[in-house]
């Protein structure tokens, strides 16, 4: 049964990357990537609704969930998350597989796809367009890079012990930071995202994750990159999510520009589907997206076997 899962651990030089797996290990491999500050449990409600002949592995990125934190002094570069994916694929001995990513996990999945196109047979992006776009203003770009360094040094100087919370307070804090999460969804993420201590619940995530150093592209680069993997991409956007063009503030005009570029240049090659729901639609109301994803997986699997 896909409701049943097993825990996995992959050794890395600084500890381990944790993951959970559903389905037959000889099934079609699907690697699932969670969003920023989330963990593998984000897929708990969705995966049991997907095709049963696939082997789904949902990993925790370094510094998230049950995975080890990166070594002292190390920042969290975006490409390090891509390296996590490469390490897990190597440990599983997967030569070709499907990638499914939510939010930041979608950006990691897309970047992996561009760097290792021969390893990815299809790409599913949930509430993500595959890219972090470059600020058009050079000063804004410099300011962002400087902030990454300053925040890291500030965190190191404080060296605070993680704060303990009651279960109710930990959940409340999570829901306040994620207005798209339901209480049920928040509780599911918290199961893997916090550890019980005598003083209370302590969040597992590494505070340095907040200093993440991103890779960014222009709209033109995005279109060129996506043309490399055409015919194999499904993008699902929620109508009450973070990427609806008419609801975005002026700082996010690039999302609109990117969607317009997709529709004009890549319309035949990319399935772009809008569904009702919020940024966490796959966790809150998985049945809204499970049929679309299942059809994409099975249709492409059938074609790949021909």
Foldseek 3Di string as FASTA:
>chain_A
DQLDKAKDWAQDPQGTKIKIKGADLPAAEEEEEEAQQFFQLLQNVQRVLADRRYIYIYIGFALFFPHHHDDPPDFAELVSSLVVVVRVCVVSVQQAHAYEYAHSGLLSQLVNCLVCVRRYLAYEYAADPNFDADQPDPVVNVVLLVQLVVVSVVCVVVVDDFDADAPVVQLVVVCVVPVQDDSVSSNSRQVRQWDQDPVHTGGRGDPSSVSYHYDHHHLVVSLVSVVVNFQRYEYEHEPAEDQDQVPDDPSVNRSVVNVVCCCVPRVVGYHYYYWHGYSSCCRPPVVRCNVVVNCSVVVSVVVVVD
